[in-house]
Protein backbone atom coordinates (compact mmCIF):
# COMPACT_ATOMS: atom_id res chain seq x y z
CA ASN A 1 0.19 0.17 -0.08
CA GLY A 2 2.85 2.22 -0.19
CA ALA A 3 3.35 2.35 3.63
CA GLY A 4 5.56 -0.93 3.38
CA GLN A 5 9.12 0.14 3.45
CA PRO A 6 8.66 2.81 6.56
CA LEU A 7 6.70 -0.07 8.21
CA ASN A 8 8.93 -2.76 7.71
CA SER A 9 12.11 -0.43 8.97
CA TYR A 10 9.89 0.69 12.20
CA LEU A 11 9.08 -2.94 12.89
CA VAL A 12 12.87 -4.17 12.41
CA ASN A 13 13.59 -1.16 14.78
CA CYS A 14 10.97 -2.75 17.21
CA GLY A 15 12.72 -6.11 17.01
CA PHE A 16 10.73 -7.87 14.71
CA LYS A 17 12.37 -9.83 11.93
CA SER A 18 11.73 -9.14 8.22
CA ILE A 19 11.06 -12.09 6.07
CA ARG A 20 10.57 -12.46 2.64
CA GLN A 21 7.98 -14.00 0.07
CA ASP A 22 10.30 -17.33 -0.25
CA THR A 23 10.15 -18.17 3.47
CA LEU A 24 6.58 -16.81 4.27
CA ASN A 25 5.42 -20.38 3.65
CA ALA A 26 7.49 -22.08 5.97
CA VAL A 27 7.13 -19.59 8.64
CA LEU A 28 3.17 -19.92 8.51
CA ALA A 29 3.33 -23.57 8.41
CA GLU A 30 5.75 -23.65 11.69
CA SER A 31 4.42 -25.48 14.78
CA THR A 32 5.13 -22.63 16.90
CA ALA A 33 2.39 -20.70 15.21
CA ALA A 34 1.09 -19.84 18.78
CA HIS A 35 4.12 -17.60 19.42
CA THR A 36 4.42 -15.82 15.81
CA VAL A 37 3.17 -12.55 14.60
CA ILE A 38 3.26 -11.86 10.97
CA VAL A 39 2.62 -8.24 9.89
CA PHE A 40 2.46 -7.74 6.22
CA ALA A 41 4.21 -4.39 5.62
CA SER A 42 2.92 -4.41 2.31
CA ALA A 43 -0.39 -5.52 1.37
CA TYR A 44 0.41 -8.09 -0.99
CA MET A 45 -0.19 -11.89 -0.14
CA PRO A 46 0.77 -14.52 -2.20
CA GLY A 47 -1.77 -16.72 -3.53
CA ALA A 48 -0.05 -20.06 -2.26
CA ILE A 49 -0.91 -19.13 1.17
CA LEU A 50 -4.66 -18.51 0.71
CA ALA A 51 -5.01 -21.60 -1.76
CA ASN A 52 -7.74 -24.04 -0.55
CA GLY A 53 -9.67 -21.21 1.91
CA GLY A 54 -10.63 -22.62 5.13
CA GLN A 55 -7.75 -25.44 4.72
CA SER A 56 -5.34 -22.68 3.37
CA VAL A 57 -1.96 -22.19 5.18
CA LEU A 58 -2.87 -18.83 6.17
CA ARG A 59 -6.27 -20.04 7.80
CA LYS A 60 -4.27 -23.20 9.66
CA PHE A 61 -1.86 -20.65 10.88
CA LEU A 62 -4.50 -18.63 12.40
CA ASP A 63 -6.20 -21.88 14.06
CA ALA A 64 -3.06 -22.86 15.30
CA GLY A 65 -2.76 -19.47 17.44
CA GLY A 66 -1.10 -17.24 14.95
CA ARG A 67 -1.61 -13.56 14.75
CA VAL A 68 -1.81 -11.76 11.39
CA VAL A 69 -1.62 -7.94 11.26
CA LEU A 70 -2.71 -6.51 7.77
CA PRO A 71 -2.44 -2.44 7.76
CA GLY A 72 -4.02 -2.01 4.37
CA THR A 73 -6.72 -3.08 2.32
CA ASN A 74 -7.31 -6.66 2.47
CA THR A 75 -5.87 -8.00 -0.63
CA MET A 76 -7.22 -11.21 -0.23
CA ILE A 77 -10.23 -10.15 -1.91
CA PHE A 78 -8.25 -9.72 -5.27
CA GLY A 79 -6.94 -12.20 -7.73
CA ILE A 80 -3.23 -10.75 -7.95
CA ASP A 81 -0.83 -11.16 -10.87
CA GLU A 82 1.77 -13.10 -8.85
CA LYS A 83 4.78 -11.58 -11.22
CA GLU A 84 3.41 -8.05 -11.16
CA LYS A 85 2.01 -8.31 -7.67
CA ARG A 86 -1.31 -6.12 -8.70
CA PRO A 87 -4.75 -6.72 -8.47
CA ILE A 88 -6.32 -8.23 -11.62
CA ALA A 89 -9.94 -9.43 -10.72
CA PHE A 90 -12.25 -9.84 -7.94
CA ALA A 91 -11.66 -12.80 -5.61
CA ILE A 92 -13.68 -11.87 -2.51
CA PRO A 93 -15.05 -15.00 -2.03
CA ARG A 94 -11.41 -16.42 -1.25
CA ALA A 95 -11.38 -14.02 1.69
CA ASP A 96 -14.52 -15.00 2.95
CA SER A 97 -13.68 -18.65 2.76
CA VAL A 98 -9.90 -18.08 4.59
CA LEU A 99 -11.20 -15.57 7.37
CA SER A 100 -14.79 -17.17 7.86
CA ILE A 101 -16.30 -13.59 7.01
CA ARG A 102 -18.49 -12.20 4.40
CA TYR A 103 -17.46 -8.97 2.47
CA GLY A 104 -20.42 -9.44 0.19
CA PRO A 105 -20.67 -10.32 -3.47
CA ASN A 106 -17.96 -11.09 -5.87
CA ASP A 107 -18.05 -7.39 -7.54
CA THR A 108 -17.69 -3.60 -6.75
CA ARG A 109 -20.91 -3.91 -4.39
CA SER A 110 -18.54 -5.32 -2.02
CA ILE A 111 -16.12 -2.53 -2.20
CA GLY A 112 -18.90 -0.18 -1.14
CA GLY A 113 -17.24 3.11 -1.91
CA GLN A 114 -14.10 5.28 -0.66
CA PHE A 115 -15.70 6.34 3.15
CA SER A 116 -14.13 8.54 5.89
CA CYS A 117 -13.43 6.05 9.08
CA PHE A 118 -12.91 6.76 12.63
CA PRO A 119 -11.37 4.97 15.62
CA THR A 120 -13.46 3.55 18.32
CA ASP A 121 -12.63 3.55 22.11
CA LYS A 122 -10.80 0.60 21.48
CA GLY A 123 -8.98 1.69 18.22
CA LYS A 124 -7.85 4.78 19.99
CA TYR A 125 -6.41 2.55 22.92
CA TYR A 126 -4.43 1.09 20.75
CA GLY A 127 -3.17 3.87 18.83
CA LEU A 128 -5.16 4.41 15.47
CA PRO A 129 -5.18 7.80 13.95
CA ASP A 130 -8.28 9.95 14.50
CA PHE A 131 -9.52 9.40 10.94
CA TRP A 132 -8.46 7.21 7.66
CA ASP A 133 -10.21 6.41 4.43
CA ALA A 134 -11.07 2.89 3.31
CA SER A 135 -13.50 0.71 1.52
CA VAL A 136 -14.44 -2.74 1.64
CA PHE A 137 -16.53 -3.05 5.08
CA LEU A 138 -18.19 -5.53 7.47
CA GLN A 139 -20.70 -5.70 9.99
CA PRO A 140 -19.92 -5.35 13.60
CA SER A 141 -21.60 -9.19 13.89
CA GLN A 142 -18.79 -10.54 11.84
CA VAL A 143 -15.95 -9.45 13.83
CA SER A 144 -14.64 -9.85 17.74
CA MET A 145 -13.37 -6.66 18.39
CA VAL A 146 -14.14 -3.56 16.42
CA LEU A 147 -11.46 -0.90 16.26
CA GLY A 148 -12.68 1.44 13.66
CA LYS A 149 -15.79 2.34 11.74
CA ASN A 150 -16.66 4.40 8.61
CA GLU A 151 -19.18 7.32 8.90
CA ASN A 152 -22.20 4.62 7.95
CA GLY A 153 -21.25 2.37 11.30
CA GLN A 154 -19.61 -0.36 9.11
CA VAL A 155 -16.50 -1.90 10.37
CA SER A 156 -13.10 -1.05 8.31
CA ALA A 157 -10.65 -1.92 11.34
CA PHE A 158 -11.16 -4.68 13.29
CA THR A 159 -9.66 -8.09 14.96
CA LYS A 160 -11.37 -11.24 14.67
CA ASN A 161 -10.33 -14.24 16.98
CA TYR A 162 -9.53 -18.17 15.70
CA ASN A 163 -9.04 -21.30 17.66
CA ASN A 164 -6.02 -21.44 19.86
CA GLY A 165 -5.75 -17.64 20.46
CA GLY A 166 -5.21 -16.96 17.04
CA ARG A 167 -6.19 -13.51 15.49
CA PHE A 168 -6.36 -11.79 12.18
CA VAL A 169 -6.21 -7.65 12.74
CA GLN A 170 -7.16 -5.46 10.01
CA LEU A 171 -6.59 -1.67 10.26
CA TYR A 172 -5.43 1.04 7.83
CA LEU A 173 -2.18 3.30 7.46
CA HIS A 174 -2.03 5.93 5.11
CA PRO A 175 0.10 4.63 1.96
CA ASP A 176 1.81 7.91 1.38
CA LEU A 177 2.44 8.98 5.03
CA PRO A 178 2.20 6.29 7.56
CA VAL A 179 1.27 7.59 10.83
CA CYS A 180 0.51 5.89 14.16
CA ILE A 181 2.64 2.72 13.07
CA ASP A 182 2.91 2.33 16.71
CA ALA A 183 -0.46 0.83 16.64
CA VAL A 184 0.87 -2.01 14.48
CA VAL A 185 3.27 -2.95 17.06
CA LYS A 186 0.36 -2.68 19.81
CA LEU A 187 -1.85 -4.65 18.14
CA ALA A 188 0.56 -7.48 17.08
CA GLU A 189 2.21 -7.84 20.62
CA TRP A 190 -0.80 -6.84 23.31
CA LYS A 191 -3.24 -9.02 24.64
CA LEU A 192 -6.49 -8.32 23.06
CA GLU A 193 -9.68 -8.96 25.08
């Protein structure tokens, strides 16, 4: 999302280890998932970790207790050209099956438009910015904790819990000027209620 390099540098300075795409699959498949946090500093997710939906490598990692933090638009909703690493089609059902949520139909209706969003009290607690713009929203009943909502009350930033303490965290950073990136560390490390 453009914030990748500054975020990656910040995380490394905070003690996180930077991994490359060629080692991601192995890290996700390790048996120590309960003690592992993956922050996707760039919004790109390789298709190989999403294949097979609810039985994907990523979902198994979440169900084994791993935590994933995604600080940009959830790119699981797109079919990605793996060579160019850019979206080429919608793949919204894939995101729904991997995460057990429902974004909506496999077309622009799921995008819903670009709206101003604001943190909830929990979002403020974890350090989310005062506002951001986002698209692709959920209903509050689909997530475990709402961190931010758009002006219509739909969820834009959230956590969703999985088996064995696994957790998926979705939040937004401005792609050109990432601010409040300490929120990524807080949500990656802190115990979420």
